[in-house]
């Protein structure tokens, strides 16, 4: 697993160039989940790491938008 923040940009065709150090970690196999963070960044999780987070988000009230965005409260 890897951690870190990297600022990336899209090329003229709208493609994202992933740095080699991250690409190598991603090519090790397995599914990943890509999701947007409320602060405007993109988060990438290995599928197994995402499952408990996704379950918490699914359990949030649809009427509590701030809680739904943060994923921290129920």
C-alpha atoms as a PDB file:
ATOM      1  CA  UNK A   1       0.000   0.000   0.000  1.00  0.00           C
ATOM      2  CA  UNK A   2       1.191   3.527  -0.618  1.00  0.00           C
ATOM      3  CA  UNK A   3       0.342   6.869   0.910  1.00  0.00           C
ATOM      4  CA  UNK A   4       1.036  10.421  -0.066  1.00  0.00           C
ATOM      5  CA  UNK A   5      -0.269  13.428  -1.863  1.00  0.00           C
ATOM      6  CA  UNK A   6       0.710  14.330  -5.383  1.00  0.00           C
ATOM      7  CA  UNK A   7      -0.635  17.177  -7.436  1.00  0.00           C
ATOM      8  CA  UNK A   8      -1.482  15.938 -10.914  1.00  0.00           C
ATOM      9  CA  UNK A   9      -2.999  17.592 -13.944  1.00  0.00           C
ATOM     10  CA  UNK A  10      -4.823  16.487 -17.060  1.00  0.00           C
ATOM     11  CA  UNK A  11      -3.208  16.704 -20.473  1.00  0.00           C
ATOM     12  CA  UNK A  12      -4.850  18.343 -23.507  1.00  0.00           C
ATOM     13  CA  UNK A  13      -6.865  15.167 -24.174  1.00  0.00           C
ATOM     14  CA  UNK A  14      -8.157  14.999 -20.577  1.00  0.00           C
ATOM     15  CA  UNK A  15      -5.855  12.164 -19.518  1.00  0.00           C
ATOM     16  CA  UNK A  16      -4.184  11.879 -16.138  1.00  0.00           C
ATOM     17  CA  UNK A  17      -0.489  11.035 -16.043  1.00  0.00           C
ATOM     18  CA  UNK A  18       0.173   8.881 -12.970  1.00  0.00           C
ATOM     19  CA  UNK A  19       3.736   9.132 -11.602  1.00  0.00           C
ATOM     20  CA  UNK A  20       5.805   5.953 -11.894  1.00  0.00           C
ATOM     21  CA  UNK A  21       6.023   5.437  -8.125  1.00  0.00           C
ATOM     22  CA  UNK A  22       2.209   5.325  -7.908  1.00  0.00           C
ATOM     23  CA  UNK A  23       1.742   3.434 -11.155  1.00  0.00           C
ATOM     24  CA  UNK A  24       3.962   0.612  -9.935  1.00  0.00           C
ATOM     25  CA  UNK A  25       1.846   0.244  -6.782  1.00  0.00           C
ATOM     26  CA  UNK A  26      -1.376   0.240  -8.815  1.00  0.00           C
ATOM     27  CA  UNK A  27      -0.126  -2.385 -11.252  1.00  0.00           C
ATOM     28  CA  UNK A  28       0.450  -4.883  -8.457  1.00  0.00           C
ATOM     29  CA  UNK A  29      -3.064  -6.147  -9.120  1.00  0.00           C
ATOM     30  CA  UNK A  30      -6.436  -5.961  -7.472  1.00  0.00           C
ATOM     31  CA  UNK A  31      -9.339  -3.587  -7.883  1.00  0.00           C
ATOM     32  CA  UNK A  32      -9.232   0.040  -6.782  1.00  0.00           C
ATOM     33  CA  UNK A  33     -11.887   2.631  -5.975  1.00  0.00           C
ATOM     34  CA  UNK A  34     -11.505   6.227  -7.103  1.00  0.00           C
ATOM     35  CA  UNK A  35     -13.629   8.803  -5.277  1.00  0.00           C
ATOM     36  CA  UNK A  36     -13.866  12.567  -4.913  1.00  0.00           C
ATOM     37  CA  UNK A  37     -13.068  14.311  -1.625  1.00  0.00           C
ATOM     38  CA  UNK A  38     -15.110  17.394  -0.602  1.00  0.00           C
ATOM     39  CA  UNK A  39     -11.912  19.488  -0.620  1.00  0.00           C
ATOM     40  CA  UNK A  40     -11.598  19.006  -4.376  1.00  0.00           C
ATOM     41  CA  UNK A  41      -9.080  16.187  -4.468  1.00  0.00           C
ATOM     42  CA  UNK A  42      -9.379  12.619  -5.694  1.00  0.00           C
ATOM     43  CA  UNK A  43      -8.819   9.651  -3.395  1.00  0.00           C
ATOM     44  CA  UNK A  44      -7.764   6.207  -4.551  1.00  0.00           C
ATOM     45  CA  UNK A  45      -8.279   3.152  -2.343  1.00  0.00           C
ATOM     46  CA  UNK A  46      -7.544  -0.532  -2.782  1.00  0.00           C
ATOM     47  CA  UNK A  47     -10.973  -2.180  -2.929  1.00  0.00           C
ATOM     48  CA  UNK A  48     -10.522  -4.048   0.346  1.00  0.00           C
ATOM     49  CA  UNK A  49      -9.575  -0.831   2.179  1.00  0.00           C
ATOM     50  CA  UNK A  50     -12.586   0.969   0.667  1.00  0.00           C
ATOM     51  CA  UNK A  51     -15.216  -1.574   1.724  1.00  0.00           C
ATOM     52  CA  UNK A  52     -15.600  -0.409   5.374  1.00  0.00           C
ATOM     53  CA  UNK A  53     -15.590   3.251   4.260  1.00  0.00           C
ATOM     54  CA  UNK A  54     -18.195   2.592   1.584  1.00  0.00           C
ATOM     55  CA  UNK A  55     -20.379   0.742   4.088  1.00  0.00           C
ATOM     56  CA  UNK A  56     -20.256   3.723   6.472  1.00  0.00           C
ATOM     57  CA  UNK A  57     -21.193   6.101   3.669  1.00  0.00           C
ATOM     58  CA  UNK A  58     -24.110   3.918   2.596  1.00  0.00           C
ATOM     59  CA  UNK A  59     -25.423   3.942   6.173  1.00  0.00           C
ATOM     60  CA  UNK A  60     -25.501   7.750   6.402  1.00  0.00           C
ATOM     61  CA  UNK A  61     -28.786   9.595   6.285  1.00  0.00           C
ATOM     62  CA  UNK A  62     -29.564  10.973   2.838  1.00  0.00           C
ATOM     63  CA  UNK A  63     -30.968  14.036   4.621  1.00  0.00           C
ATOM     64  CA  UNK A  64     -27.699  14.955   6.335  1.00  0.00           C
ATOM     65  CA  UNK A  65     -25.548  16.225   3.444  1.00  0.00           C
ATOM     66  CA  UNK A  66     -22.554  17.444   5.544  1.00  0.00           C
ATOM     67  CA  UNK A  67     -22.317  14.066   7.277  1.00  0.00           C
ATOM     68  CA  UNK A  68     -22.690  12.271   3.977  1.00  0.00           C
ATOM     69  CA  UNK A  69     -19.810  14.271   2.471  1.00  0.00           C
ATOM     70  CA  UNK A  70     -17.502  13.721   5.425  1.00  0.00           C
ATOM     71  CA  UNK A  71     -18.328  10.069   5.977  1.00  0.00           C
ATOM     72  CA  UNK A  72     -17.478  10.548   9.637  1.00  0.00           C
ATOM     73  CA  UNK A  73     -20.783  10.801  11.439  1.00  0.00           C
ATOM     74  CA  UNK A  74     -23.964   8.799  11.360  1.00  0.00           C
END
